Amino acid sequence: MDKKDHYRYNLKIDGKISHIGTKMSMGSNYKTVGDNLLIQMYKQLRMSNLSEFKKYIECKYSYDNYIKYLKEKNKI
């Protein structure tokens, strides 16, 4: 049996999987994510800073706003 220790997340745009993505551990401490891991994740998701990423994961920043931001910054 193939046992996965991470979940992989990729951004889907217009029904197509993009090159932008991140992964998250399924280890025993997966409920607690430290700032060092969050920093890696926001960079992988092409966000400009940790504060912006935290707004996104707290659902204060919509998918549409994220796509608009990526287009404005020529990241997609």
PDB file of N, CA and C in Angstrom:
ATOM      1  N   MET A   1       0.841  -1.186   0.000  1.00  0.00           N
ATOM      2  CA  MET A   1       0.000   0.000   0.000  1.00  0.00           C
ATOM      3  C   MET A   1       0.883   1.244   0.000  1.00  0.00           C
ATOM      4  N   ASP A   2       0.598   2.166  -0.886  1.00  0.00           N
ATOM      5  CA  ASP A   2       1.332   3.419  -1.000  1.00  0.00           C
ATOM      6  C   ASP A   2       0.775   4.403   0.029  1.00  0.00           C
ATOM      7  N   LYS A   3       1.598   4.774   0.995  1.00  0.00           N
ATOM      8  CA  LYS A   3       1.150   5.670   2.061  1.00  0.00           C
ATOM      9  C   LYS A   3       1.677   7.078   1.795  1.00  0.00           C
ATOM     10  N   LYS A   4       0.777   8.047   1.607  1.00  0.00           N
ATOM     11  CA  LYS A   4       1.173   9.428   1.340  1.00  0.00           C
ATOM     12  C   LYS A   4       1.376  10.167   2.652  1.00  0.00           C
ATOM     13  N   ASP A   5       2.393  11.025   2.685  1.00  0.00           N
ATOM     14  CA  ASP A   5       2.624  11.839   3.868  1.00  0.00           C
ATOM     15  C   ASP A   5       2.387  13.323   3.600  1.00  0.00           C
ATOM     16  N   HIS A   6       1.970  13.666   2.380  1.00  0.00           N
ATOM     17  CA  HIS A   6       1.686  15.053   2.012  1.00  0.00           C
ATOM     18  C   HIS A   6       0.466  15.113   1.093  1.00  0.00           C
ATOM     19  N   TYR A   7      -0.230  16.243   1.179  1.00  0.00           N
ATOM     20  CA  TYR A   7      -1.264  16.562   0.203  1.00  0.00           C
ATOM     21  C   TYR A   7      -0.667  17.596  -0.739  1.00  0.00           C
ATOM     22  N   ARG A   8      -0.895  17.452  -2.019  1.00  0.00           N
ATOM     23  CA  ARG A   8      -0.436  18.414  -3.018  1.00  0.00           C
ATOM     24  C   ARG A   8      -1.642  19.219  -3.487  1.00  0.00           C
ATOM     25  N   TYR A   9      -1.501  20.539  -3.513  1.00  0.00           N
ATOM     26  CA  TYR A   9      -2.554  21.441  -3.967  1.00  0.00           C
ATOM     27  C   TYR A   9      -2.033  22.260  -5.140  1.00  0.00           C
ATOM     28  N   ASN A  10      -2.767  22.264  -6.231  1.00  0.00           N
ATOM     29  CA  ASN A  10      -2.423  23.093  -7.378  1.00  0.00           C
ATOM     30  C   ASN A  10      -3.601  23.994  -7.714  1.00  0.00           C
ATOM     31  N   LEU A  11      -3.272  25.199  -8.120  1.00  0.00           N
ATOM     32  CA  LEU A  11      -4.284  26.172  -8.498  1.00  0.00           C
ATOM     33  C   LEU A  11      -4.909  25.774  -9.824  1.00  0.00           C
ATOM     34  N   LYS A  12      -6.220  25.758  -9.857  1.00  0.00           N
ATOM     35  CA  LYS A  12      -6.958  25.449 -11.076  1.00  0.00           C
ATOM     36  C   LYS A  12      -7.532  26.751 -11.623  1.00  0.00           C
ATOM     37  N   ILE A  13      -7.229  27.035 -12.893  1.00  0.00           N
ATOM     38  CA  ILE A  13      -7.698  28.254 -13.549  1.00  0.00           C
ATOM     39  C   ILE A  13      -8.429  27.850 -14.822  1.00  0.00           C
ATOM     40  N   ASP A  14      -9.670  28.275 -14.933  1.00  0.00           N
ATOM     41  CA  ASP A  14     -10.498  27.934 -16.096  1.00  0.00           C
ATOM     42  C   ASP A  14     -10.515  26.430 -16.361  1.00  0.00           C
ATOM     43  N   GLY A  15     -10.576  25.650 -15.286  1.00  0.00           N
ATOM     44  CA  GLY A  15     -10.666  24.206 -15.398  1.00  0.00           C
ATOM     45  C   GLY A  15      -9.353  23.489 -15.654  1.00  0.00           C
ATOM     46  N   LYS A  16      -8.252  24.245 -15.735  1.00  0.00           N
ATOM     47  CA  LYS A  16      -6.944  23.642 -16.010  1.00  0.00           C
ATOM     48  C   LYS A  16      -6.026  23.820 -14.807  1.00  0.00           C
ATOM     49  N   ILE A  17      -5.270  22.778 -14.508  1.00  0.00           N
ATOM     50  CA  ILE A  17      -4.323  22.840 -13.397  1.00  0.00           C
ATOM     51  C   ILE A  17      -3.127  23.688 -13.822  1.00  0.00           C
ATOM     52  N   SER A  18      -2.790  24.676 -12.992  1.00  0.00           N
ATOM     53  CA  SER A  18      -1.671  25.575 -13.292  1.00  0.00           C
ATOM     54  C   SER A  18      -0.381  25.066 -12.656  1.00  0.00           C
ATOM     55  N   HIS A  19       0.705  25.778 -12.926  1.00  0.00           N
ATOM     56  CA  HIS A  19       2.006  25.457 -12.349  1.00  0.00           C
ATOM     57  C   HIS A  19       2.133  25.964 -10.908  1.00  0.00           C
ATOM     58  N   ILE A  20       1.179  26.733 -10.432  1.00  0.00           N
ATOM     59  CA  ILE A  20       1.227  27.297  -9.084  1.00  0.00           C
ATOM     60  C   ILE A  20       0.615  26.293  -8.113  1.00  0.00           C
ATOM     61  N   GLY A  21       1.384  25.938  -7.089  1.00  0.00           N
ATOM     62  CA  GLY A  21       0.878  24.982  -6.123  1.00  0.00           C
ATOM     63  C   GLY A  21       1.756  24.888  -4.893  1.00  0.00           C
ATOM     64  N   THR A  22       1.304  24.121  -3.929  1.00  0.00           N
ATOM     65  CA  THR A  22       2.045  23.899  -2.701  1.00  0.00           C
ATOM     66  C   THR A  22       1.664  22.522  -2.172  1.00  0.00           C
ATOM     67  N   LYS A  23       2.339  22.089  -1.125  1.00  0.00           N
ATOM     68  CA  LYS A  23       1.978  20.825  -0.503  1.00  0.00           C
ATOM     69  C   LYS A  23       1.936  20.998   1.004  1.00  0.00           C
ATOM     70  N   MET A  24       1.184  20.127   1.650  1.00  0.00           N
ATOM     71  CA  MET A  24       1.028  20.205   3.094  1.00  0.00           C
ATOM     72  C   MET A  24       1.221  18.824   3.691  1.00  0.00           C
ATOM     73  N   SER A  25       1.954  18.763   4.770  1.00  0.00           N
ATOM     74  CA  SER A  25       2.270  17.507   5.433  1.00  0.00           C
ATOM     75  C   SER A  25       1.044  16.876   6.060  1.00  0.00           C
ATOM     76  N   MET A  26       1.028  15.563   6.067  1.00  0.00           N
ATOM     77  CA  MET A  26      -0.006  14.793   6.747  1.00  0.00           C
ATOM     78  C   MET A  26       0.544  14.168   8.027  1.00  0.00           C
ATOM     79  N   GLY A  27       1.691  14.656   8.474  1.00  0.00           N
ATOM     80  CA  GLY A  27       2.328  14.119   9.668  1.00  0.00           C
ATOM     81  C   GLY A  27       1.489  14.341  10.916  1.00  0.00           C
ATOM     82  N   SER A  28       2.006  13.898  12.035  1.00  0.00           N
ATOM     83  CA  SER A  28       1.258  13.946  13.295  1.00  0.00           C
ATOM     84  C   SER A  28       0.992  15.365  13.778  1.00  0.00           C
ATOM     85  N   ASN A  29       1.773  16.331  13.333  1.00  0.00           N
ATOM     86  CA  ASN A  29       1.594  17.724  13.771  1.00  0.00           C
ATOM     87  C   ASN A  29       0.942  18.587  12.712  1.00  0.00           C
ATOM     88  N   TYR A  30       0.174  17.984  11.797  1.00  0.00           N
ATOM     89  CA  TYR A  30      -0.382  18.744  10.683  1.00  0.00           C
ATOM     90  C   TYR A  30      -1.383  19.803  11.112  1.00  0.00           C
ATOM     91  N   LYS A  31      -1.903  19.734  12.334  1.00  0.00           N
ATOM     92  CA  LYS A  31      -2.881  20.730  12.790  1.00  0.00           C
ATOM     93  C   LYS A  31      -2.215  22.038  13.181  1.00  0.00           C
ATOM     94  N   THR A  32      -0.926  22.018  13.409  1.00  0.00           N
ATOM     95  CA  THR A  32      -0.173  23.209  13.770  1.00  0.00           C
ATOM     96  C   THR A  32       0.822  23.499  12.662  1.00  0.00           C
ATOM     97  N   VAL A  33       0.668  24.647  12.027  1.00  0.00           N
ATOM     98  CA  VAL A  33       1.563  25.029  10.937  1.00  0.00           C
ATOM     99  C   VAL A  33       2.300  26.285  11.374  1.00  0.00           C
ATOM    100  N   GLY A  34       3.621  26.187  11.471  1.00  0.00           N
ATOM    101  CA  GLY A  34       4.436  27.309  11.911  1.00  0.00           C
ATOM    102  C   GLY A  34       4.652  28.334  10.815  1.00  0.00           C
ATOM    103  N   ASP A  35       5.091  29.524  11.222  1.00  0.00           N
ATOM    104  CA  ASP A  35       5.315  30.607  10.264  1.00  0.00           C
ATOM    105  C   ASP A  35       6.357  30.238   9.205  1.00  0.00           C
ATOM    106  N   ASN A  36       7.374  29.443   9.574  1.00  0.00           N
ATOM    107  CA  ASN A  36       8.386  29.093   8.577  1.00  0.00           C
ATOM    108  C   ASN A  36       7.776  28.290   7.427  1.00  0.00           C
ATOM    109  N   LEU A  37       6.838  27.403   7.717  1.00  0.00           N
ATOM    110  CA  LEU A  37       6.161  26.648   6.669  1.00  0.00           C
ATOM    111  C   LEU A  37       5.189  27.551   5.896  1.00  0.00           C
ATOM    112  N   LEU A  38       4.492  28.428   6.609  1.00  0.00           N
ATOM    113  CA  LEU A  38       3.582  29.362   5.946  1.00  0.00           C
ATOM    114  C   LEU A  38       4.336  30.279   4.981  1.00  0.00           C
ATOM    115  N   ILE A  39       5.539  30.673   5.344  1.00  0.00           N
ATOM    116  CA  ILE A  39       6.363  31.519   4.476  1.00  0.00           C
ATOM    117  C   ILE A  39       6.697  30.778   3.183  1.00  0.00           C
ATOM    118  N   GLN A  40       7.081  29.511   3.302  1.00  0.00           N
ATOM    119  CA  GLN A  40       7.358  28.713   2.109  1.00  0.00           C
ATOM    120  C   GLN A  40       6.120  28.602   1.234  1.00  0.00           C
ATOM    121  N   MET A  41       4.975  28.389   1.865  1.00  0.00           N
ATOM    122  CA  MET A  41       3.728  28.218   1.119  1.00  0.00           C
ATOM    123  C   MET A  41       3.320  29.496   0.400  1.00  0.00           C
ATOM    124  N   TYR A  42       3.403  30.664   1.063  1.00  0.00           N
ATOM    125  CA  TYR A  42       2.983  31.899   0.389  1.00  0.00           C
ATOM    126  C   TYR A  42       3.895  32.192  -0.797  1.00  0.00           C
ATOM    127  N   LYS A  43       5.163  31.864  -0.685  1.00  0.00           N
ATOM    128  CA  LYS A  43       6.078  32.069  -1.813  1.00  0.00           C
ATOM    129  C   LYS A  43       5.728  31.129  -2.961  1.00  0.00           C
ATOM    130  N   GLN A  44       5.415  29.877  -2.657  1.00  0.00           N
ATOM    131  CA  GLN A  44       5.042  28.913  -3.687  1.00  0.00           C
ATOM    132  C   GLN A  44       3.755  29.326  -4.394  1.00  0.00           C
ATOM    133  N   LEU A  45       2.855  29.981  -3.660  1.00  0.00           N
ATOM    134  CA  LEU A  45       1.583  30.425  -4.227  1.00  0.00           C
ATOM    135  C   LEU A  45       1.670  31.819  -4.830  1.00  0.00           C
ATOM    136  N   ARG A  46       2.897  32.352  -4.905  1.00  0.00           N
ATOM    137  CA  ARG A  46       3.191  33.628  -5.566  1.00  0.00           C
ATOM    138  C   ARG A  46       2.522  34.824  -4.899  1.00  0.00           C
ATOM    139  N   MET A  47       2.306  34.749  -3.593  1.00  0.00           N
ATOM    140  CA  MET A  47       1.757  35.894  -2.865  1.00  0.00           C
ATOM    141  C   MET A  47       2.914  36.780  -2.410  1.00  0.00           C
ATOM    142  N   SER A  48       2.617  38.030  -2.126  1.00  0.00           N
ATOM    143  CA  SER A  48       3.694  38.977  -1.839  1.00  0.00           C
ATOM    144  C   SER A  48       4.189  38.957  -0.393  1.00  0.00           C
ATOM    145  N   ASN A  49       3.360  38.497   0.540  1.00  0.00           N
ATOM    146  CA  ASN A  49       3.817  38.473   1.934  1.00  0.00           C
ATOM    147  C   ASN A  49       2.958  37.519   2.771  1.00  0.00           C
ATOM    148  N   LEU A  50       3.424  37.246   3.971  1.00  0.00           N
ATOM    149  CA  LEU A  50       2.748  36.314   4.868  1.00  0.00           C
ATOM    150  C   LEU A  50       1.383  36.830   5.301  1.00  0.00           C
ATOM    151  N   SER A  51       1.272  38.119   5.525  1.00  0.00           N
ATOM    152  CA  SER A  51       0.002  38.713   5.942  1.00  0.00           C
ATOM    153  C   SER A  51      -1.087  38.481   4.884  1.00  0.00           C
ATOM    154  N   GLU A  52      -0.730  38.667   3.627  1.00  0.00           N
ATOM    155  CA  GLU A  52      -1.667  38.438   2.532  1.00  0.00           C
ATOM    156  C   GLU A  52      -2.098  36.963   2.488  1.00  0.00           C
ATOM    157  N   PHE A  53      -1.154  36.053   2.661  1.00  0.00           N
ATOM    158  CA  PHE A  53      -1.461  34.622   2.652  1.00  0.00           C
ATOM    159  C   PHE A  53      -2.391  34.251   3.804  1.00  0.00           C
ATOM    160  N   LYS A  54      -2.146  34.798   4.974  1.00  0.00           N
ATOM    161  CA  LYS A  54      -3.011  34.504   6.122  1.00  0.00           C
ATOM    162  C   LYS A  54      -4.440  34.985   5.872  1.00  0.00           C
ATOM    163  N   LYS A  55      -4.598  36.120   5.215  1.00  0.00           N
ATOM    164  CA  LYS A  55      -5.940  36.592   4.858  1.00  0.00           C
ATOM    165  C   LYS A  55      -6.618  35.589   3.934  1.00  0.00           C
ATOM    166  N   TYR A  56      -5.859  35.035   3.005  1.00  0.00           N
ATOM    167  CA  TYR A  56      -6.414  34.070   2.053  1.00  0.00           C
ATOM    168  C   TYR A  56      -6.861  32.800   2.768  1.00  0.00           C
ATOM    169  N   ILE A  57      -6.032  32.261   3.647  1.00  0.00           N
ATOM    170  CA  ILE A  57      -6.406  31.011   4.317  1.00  0.00           C
ATOM    171  C   ILE A  57      -7.478  31.231   5.382  1.00  0.00           C
ATOM    172  N   GLU A  58      -7.675  32.463   5.806  1.00  0.00           N
ATOM    173  CA  GLU A  58      -8.763  32.785   6.735  1.00  0.00           C
ATOM    174  C   GLU A  58     -10.039  33.169   5.981  1.00  0.00           C
ATOM    175  N   CYS A  59     -10.043  32.974   4.672  1.00  0.00           N
ATOM    176  CA  CYS A  59     -11.194  33.260   3.792  1.00  0.00           C
ATOM    177  C   CYS A  59     -11.581  34.737   3.772  1.00  0.00           C
ATOM    178  N   LYS A  60     -10.595  35.608   3.917  1.00  0.00           N
ATOM    179  CA  LYS A  60     -10.830  37.047   3.820  1.00  0.00           C
ATOM    180  C   LYS A  60     -10.364  37.578   2.462  1.00  0.00           C
ATOM    181  N   TYR A  61      -9.936  36.678   1.607  1.00  0.00           N
ATOM    182  CA  TYR A  61      -9.374  37.009   0.303  1.00  0.00           C
ATOM    183  C   TYR A  61      -9.928  35.961  -0.653  1.00  0.00           C
ATOM    184  N   SER A  62     -10.698  36.355  -1.619  1.00  0.00           N
ATOM    185  CA  SER A  62     -11.402  35.395  -2.466  1.00  0.00           C
ATOM    186  C   SER A  62     -10.515  34.811  -3.567  1.00  0.00           C
ATOM    187  N   TYR A  63     -10.975  33.704  -4.113  1.00  0.00           N
ATOM    188  CA  TYR A  63     -10.315  33.077  -5.261  1.00  0.00           C
ATOM    189  C   TYR A  63     -10.206  34.083  -6.411  1.00  0.00           C
ATOM    190  N   ASP A  64     -11.303  34.795  -6.698  1.00  0.00           N
ATOM    191  CA  ASP A  64     -11.304  35.776  -7.792  1.00  0.00           C
ATOM    192  C   ASP A  64     -10.282  36.878  -7.561  1.00  0.00           C
ATOM    193  N   ASN A  65     -10.170  37.341  -6.315  1.00  0.00           N
ATOM    194  CA  ASN A  65      -9.169  38.367  -5.997  1.00  0.00           C
ATOM    195  C   ASN A  65      -7.753  37.824  -6.173  1.00  0.00           C
ATOM    196  N   TYR A  66      -7.554  36.565  -5.800  1.00  0.00           N
ATOM    197  CA  TYR A  66      -6.251  35.926  -5.949  1.00  0.00           C
ATOM    198  C   TYR A  66      -5.867  35.825  -7.429  1.00  0.00           C
ATOM    199  N   ILE A  67      -6.790  35.383  -8.270  1.00  0.00           N
ATOM    200  CA  ILE A  67      -6.525  35.271  -9.707  1.00  0.00           C
ATOM    201  C   ILE A  67      -6.236  36.657 -10.295  1.00  0.00           C
ATOM    202  N   LYS A  68      -7.023  37.645  -9.895  1.00  0.00           N
ATOM    203  CA  LYS A  68      -6.807  39.019 -10.371  1.00  0.00           C
ATOM    204  C   LYS A  68      -5.408  39.504  -9.976  1.00  0.00           C
ATOM    205  N   TYR A  69      -5.011  39.258  -8.722  1.00  0.00           N
ATOM    206  CA  TYR A  69      -3.686  39.643  -8.238  1.00  0.00           C
ATOM    207  C   TYR A  69      -2.593  38.972  -9.080  1.00  0.00           C
ATOM    208  N   LEU A  70      -2.721  37.653  -9.316  1.00  0.00           N
ATOM    209  CA  LEU A  70      -1.714  36.929 -10.091  1.00  0.00           C
ATOM    210  C   LEU A  70      -1.588  37.482 -11.506  1.00  0.00           C
ATOM    211  N   LYS A  71      -2.705  37.852 -12.100  1.00  0.00           N
ATOM    212  CA  LYS A  71      -2.669  38.433 -13.452  1.00  0.00           C
ATOM    213  C   LYS A  71      -2.036  39.807 -13.446  1.00  0.00           C
ATOM    214  N   GLU A  72      -2.369  40.628 -12.455  1.00  0.00           N
ATOM    215  CA  GLU A  72      -1.786  41.975 -12.357  1.00  0.00           C
ATOM    216  C   GLU A  72      -0.275  41.921 -12.170  1.00  0.00           C
ATOM    217  N   LYS A  73       0.206  40.920 -11.467  1.00  0.00           N
ATOM    218  CA  LYS A  73       1.632  40.773 -11.188  1.00  0.00           C
ATOM    219  C   LYS A  73       2.347  39.924 -12.247  1.00  0.00           C
ATOM    220  N   ASN A  74       1.624  39.564 -13.317  1.00  0.00           N
ATOM    221  CA  ASN A  74       2.158  38.736 -14.410  1.00  0.00           C
ATOM    222  C   ASN A  74       2.726  37.411 -13.917  1.00  0.00           C
ATOM    223  N   LYS A  75       2.039  36.827 -12.947  1.00  0.00           N
ATOM    224  CA  LYS A  75       2.455  35.533 -12.407  1.00  0.00           C
ATOM    225  C   LYS A  75       1.749  34.386 -13.132  1.00  0.00           C
ATOM    226  N   ILE A  76       0.668  34.718 -13.838  1.00  0.00           N
ATOM    227  CA  ILE A  76      -0.026  33.731 -14.682  1.00  0.00           C
ATOM    228  C   ILE A  76      -0.340  34.364 -16.020  1.00  0.00           C
TER     229      ILE A  76
END
